[in-house]
Amino acid sequence: MSATPSAAVPPSCLPTYLVTAFCSLLGIFYGFAAIPQSGPLALGLRALPLLTVAHWLVLDGRFRGRRSLETWGVLFYVAWPVLLPLYALRTRGRSGWVLLLELYALVLASALGTVEGMILRALLAHRR
């Protein structure tokens, strides 16, 4: 019995959802409060969801027996807009479109959070 228990269980997306939700809520707060984001904060809010999605993809690739994402290394973070559709459609077939949309939404959610906060502030200011 040398099989690892983690190999039999598909990776959970919960950490990815939690990190993305945290970054999105922080972005909404900064956008609503009209507080300018410092460079490291803006980078962190946009990079953390991407990093957690990339980590989930590596874990999912291990689970599915496809270790090709591990070999891309840092290049994955530059080429992710192209690699996400390739991975999702090759591993899931036609149902990969749902996964693809979900992963893109997770990556882009925190960047849109700041815009949503600004829009919410403008709507509430206009209402007065």
C-alpha atoms as a PDB file:
ATOM      1  CA  MET A   1       0.000   0.000   0.000  1.00  0.00           C
ATOM      2  CA  SER A   2       2.371   2.671  -1.183  1.00  0.00           C
ATOM      3  CA  ALA A   3      -0.303   4.754  -2.881  1.00  0.00           C
ATOM      4  CA  THR A   4      -0.642   8.210  -1.437  1.00  0.00           C
ATOM      5  CA  PRO A   5      -4.140   9.180  -0.337  1.00  0.00           C
ATOM      6  CA  SER A   6      -3.883  12.564  -2.067  1.00  0.00           C
ATOM      7  CA  ALA A   7      -3.483  10.881  -5.467  1.00  0.00           C
ATOM      8  CA  ALA A   8      -6.973   9.356  -5.202  1.00  0.00           C
ATOM      9  CA  VAL A   9      -8.718  12.605  -4.284  1.00  0.00           C
ATOM     10  CA  PRO A  10      -9.126  15.390  -6.844  1.00  0.00           C
ATOM     11  CA  PRO A  11      -7.732  18.733  -5.703  1.00  0.00           C
ATOM     12  CA  SER A  12     -10.145  21.123  -4.062  1.00  0.00           C
ATOM     13  CA  CYS A  13     -10.831  24.563  -5.526  1.00  0.00           C
ATOM     14  CA  LEU A  14     -11.797  25.918  -2.101  1.00  0.00           C
ATOM     15  CA  PRO A  15      -8.430  27.604  -1.360  1.00  0.00           C
ATOM     16  CA  THR A  16      -8.556  29.246  -4.788  1.00  0.00           C
ATOM     17  CA  TYR A  17     -12.087  30.522  -4.143  1.00  0.00           C
ATOM     18  CA  LEU A  18     -11.130  31.852  -0.707  1.00  0.00           C
ATOM     19  CA  VAL A  19      -8.028  33.696  -1.928  1.00  0.00           C
ATOM     20  CA  THR A  20      -9.953  35.175  -4.854  1.00  0.00           C
ATOM     21  CA  ALA A  21     -12.827  36.247  -2.601  1.00  0.00           C
ATOM     22  CA  PHE A  22     -10.415  37.902  -0.174  1.00  0.00           C
ATOM     23  CA  CYS A  23      -8.589  39.758  -2.962  1.00  0.00           C
ATOM     24  CA  SER A  24     -11.874  40.799  -4.574  1.00  0.00           C
ATOM     25  CA  LEU A  25     -13.318  42.109  -1.324  1.00  0.00           C
ATOM     26  CA  LEU A  26     -10.129  44.012  -0.603  1.00  0.00           C
ATOM     27  CA  GLY A  27     -10.241  45.465  -4.126  1.00  0.00           C
ATOM     28  CA  ILE A  28     -13.894  46.470  -3.668  1.00  0.00           C
ATOM     29  CA  PHE A  29     -13.007  48.162  -0.370  1.00  0.00           C
ATOM     30  CA  TYR A  30     -10.131  50.103  -1.905  1.00  0.00           C
ATOM     31  CA  GLY A  31     -12.241  51.094  -4.919  1.00  0.00           C
ATOM     32  CA  PHE A  32     -15.193  52.146  -2.770  1.00  0.00           C
ATOM     33  CA  ALA A  33     -13.043  54.118  -0.332  1.00  0.00           C
ATOM     34  CA  ALA A  34     -11.121  55.721  -3.224  1.00  0.00           C
ATOM     35  CA  ILE A  35      -7.832  54.794  -1.582  1.00  0.00           C
ATOM     36  CA  PRO A  36      -5.042  54.537  -4.146  1.00  0.00           C
ATOM     37  CA  GLN A  37      -3.421  51.120  -4.142  1.00  0.00           C
ATOM     38  CA  SER A  38       0.320  50.981  -3.719  1.00  0.00           C
ATOM     39  CA  GLY A  39       2.294  49.045  -6.307  1.00  0.00           C
ATOM     40  CA  PRO A  40       2.921  45.964  -4.141  1.00  0.00           C
ATOM     41  CA  LEU A  41      -0.713  45.837  -3.024  1.00  0.00           C
ATOM     42  CA  ALA A  42      -2.055  46.136  -6.573  1.00  0.00           C
ATOM     43  CA  LEU A  43       0.379  43.463  -7.732  1.00  0.00           C
ATOM     44  CA  GLY A  44      -0.603  41.185  -4.867  1.00  0.00           C
ATOM     45  CA  LEU A  45      -4.325  41.608  -5.478  1.00  0.00           C
ATOM     46  CA  ARG A  46      -3.889  40.616  -9.097  1.00  0.00           C
ATOM     47  CA  ALA A  47      -1.153  37.983  -8.719  1.00  0.00           C
ATOM     48  CA  LEU A  48      -2.478  35.969  -5.774  1.00  0.00           C
ATOM     49  CA  PRO A  49      -5.559  34.614  -7.580  1.00  0.00           C
ATOM     50  CA  LEU A  50      -3.388  33.786 -10.601  1.00  0.00           C
ATOM     51  CA  LEU A  51      -0.898  31.963  -8.387  1.00  0.00           C
ATOM     52  CA  THR A  52      -3.614  29.938  -6.673  1.00  0.00           C
ATOM     53  CA  VAL A  53      -5.196  29.031 -10.026  1.00  0.00           C
ATOM     54  CA  ALA A  54      -1.766  27.982 -11.324  1.00  0.00           C
ATOM     55  CA  HIS A  55      -1.178  25.908  -8.202  1.00  0.00           C
ATOM     56  CA  TRP A  56      -4.582  24.248  -8.589  1.00  0.00           C
ATOM     57  CA  LEU A  57      -3.793  23.477 -12.235  1.00  0.00           C
ATOM     58  CA  VAL A  58      -0.531  21.798 -11.253  1.00  0.00           C
ATOM     59  CA  LEU A  59      -2.340  19.725  -8.598  1.00  0.00           C
ATOM     60  CA  ASP A  60      -5.098  18.838 -11.059  1.00  0.00           C
ATOM     61  CA  GLY A  61      -2.498  17.881 -13.655  1.00  0.00           C
ATOM     62  CA  ARG A  62      -0.850  15.545 -11.155  1.00  0.00           C
ATOM     63  CA  PHE A  63      -4.223  14.025 -10.317  1.00  0.00           C
ATOM     64  CA  ARG A  64      -5.000  13.459 -14.004  1.00  0.00           C
ATOM     65  CA  GLY A  65      -1.523  12.146 -14.793  1.00  0.00           C
ATOM     66  CA  ARG A  66      -0.515  15.188 -16.850  1.00  0.00           C
ATOM     67  CA  ARG A  67       2.624  16.739 -15.488  1.00  0.00           C
ATOM     68  CA  SER A  68       3.203  19.050 -18.442  1.00  0.00           C
ATOM     69  CA  LEU A  69       2.239  22.174 -16.484  1.00  0.00           C
ATOM     70  CA  GLU A  70       5.048  21.573 -14.012  1.00  0.00           C
ATOM     71  CA  THR A  71       7.596  21.787 -16.813  1.00  0.00           C
ATOM     72  CA  TRP A  72       6.395  25.211 -17.943  1.00  0.00           C
ATOM     73  CA  GLY A  73       7.564  26.767 -14.674  1.00  0.00           C
ATOM     74  CA  VAL A  74       7.639  30.560 -14.621  1.00  0.00           C
ATOM     75  CA  LEU A  75       6.672  30.737 -18.290  1.00  0.00           C
ATOM     76  CA  PHE A  76       3.201  29.563 -17.258  1.00  0.00           C
ATOM     77  CA  TYR A  77       2.597  32.871 -15.490  1.00  0.00           C
ATOM     78  CA  VAL A  78       3.304  34.750 -18.720  1.00  0.00           C
ATOM     79  CA  ALA A  79       1.463  32.386 -21.054  1.00  0.00           C
ATOM     80  CA  TRP A  80      -1.549  31.604 -18.845  1.00  0.00           C
ATOM     81  CA  PRO A  81      -4.152  33.153 -21.193  1.00  0.00           C
ATOM     82  CA  VAL A  82      -3.106  30.644 -23.867  1.00  0.00           C
ATOM     83  CA  LEU A  83      -2.376  27.677 -21.609  1.00  0.00           C
ATOM     84  CA  LEU A  84      -5.667  27.742 -19.696  1.00  0.00           C
ATOM     85  CA  PRO A  85      -7.818  26.911 -22.748  1.00  0.00           C
ATOM     86  CA  LEU A  86      -5.356  24.283 -23.916  1.00  0.00           C
ATOM     87  CA  TYR A  87      -5.322  22.542 -20.548  1.00  0.00           C
ATOM     88  CA  ALA A  88      -9.071  22.800 -19.912  1.00  0.00           C
ATOM     89  CA  LEU A  89     -10.091  21.511 -23.326  1.00  0.00           C
ATOM     90  CA  ARG A  90      -7.485  18.741 -23.462  1.00  0.00           C
ATOM     91  CA  THR A  91      -8.304  17.366 -20.030  1.00  0.00           C
ATOM     92  CA  ARG A  92     -12.081  17.844 -20.022  1.00  0.00           C
ATOM     93  CA  GLY A  93     -13.084  17.838 -23.682  1.00  0.00           C
ATOM     94  CA  ARG A  94     -16.147  19.930 -24.469  1.00  0.00           C
ATOM     95  CA  SER A  95     -17.024  20.277 -20.798  1.00  0.00           C
ATOM     96  CA  GLY A  96     -13.696  22.086 -20.405  1.00  0.00           C
ATOM     97  CA  TRP A  97     -15.404  25.320 -21.443  1.00  0.00           C
ATOM     98  CA  VAL A  98     -17.097  25.492 -18.047  1.00  0.00           C
ATOM     99  CA  LEU A  99     -13.762  24.996 -16.286  1.00  0.00           C
ATOM    100  CA  LEU A 100     -12.146  27.544 -18.577  1.00  0.00           C
ATOM    101  CA  LEU A 101     -14.731  30.224 -17.801  1.00  0.00           C
ATOM    102  CA  GLU A 102     -14.479  29.467 -14.096  1.00  0.00           C
ATOM    103  CA  LEU A 103     -10.676  29.778 -14.072  1.00  0.00           C
ATOM    104  CA  TYR A 104     -10.711  33.002 -16.095  1.00  0.00           C
ATOM    105  CA  ALA A 105     -13.334  34.428 -13.726  1.00  0.00           C
ATOM    106  CA  LEU A 106     -11.194  33.528 -10.724  1.00  0.00           C
ATOM    107  CA  VAL A 107      -8.111  35.163 -12.205  1.00  0.00           C
ATOM    108  CA  LEU A 108      -9.910  38.342 -13.281  1.00  0.00           C
ATOM    109  CA  ALA A 109     -12.253  38.749 -10.295  1.00  0.00           C
ATOM    110  CA  SER A 110      -9.915  40.689  -8.044  1.00  0.00           C
ATOM    111  CA  ALA A 111      -8.952  43.114 -10.807  1.00  0.00           C
ATOM    112  CA  LEU A 112     -12.633  43.765 -11.400  1.00  0.00           C
ATOM    113  CA  GLY A 113     -13.236  44.164  -7.656  1.00  0.00           C
ATOM    114  CA  THR A 114     -11.589  47.581  -7.597  1.00  0.00           C
ATOM    115  CA  VAL A 115     -13.721  48.714 -10.538  1.00  0.00           C
ATOM    116  CA  GLU A 116     -16.849  47.386  -8.847  1.00  0.00           C
ATOM    117  CA  GLY A 117     -16.002  49.365  -5.718  1.00  0.00           C
ATOM    118  CA  MET A 118     -15.584  52.551  -7.756  1.00  0.00           C
ATOM    119  CA  ILE A 119     -18.883  51.957  -9.546  1.00  0.00           C
ATOM    120  CA  LEU A 120     -20.652  51.290  -6.243  1.00  0.00           C
ATOM    121  CA  ARG A 121     -19.245  54.533  -4.778  1.00  0.00           C
ATOM    122  CA  ALA A 122     -20.347  56.495  -7.859  1.00  0.00           C
ATOM    123  CA  LEU A 123     -23.847  54.990  -7.756  1.00  0.00           C
ATOM    124  CA  LEU A 124     -24.259  55.787  -4.065  1.00  0.00           C
ATOM    125  CA  ALA A 125     -22.924  59.327  -4.547  1.00  0.00           C
ATOM    126  CA  HIS A 126     -25.289  59.867  -7.487  1.00  0.00           C
ATOM    127  CA  ARG A 127     -28.227  58.688  -5.411  1.00  0.00           C
ATOM    128  CA  ARG A 128     -27.791  61.429  -2.799  1.00  0.00           C
END
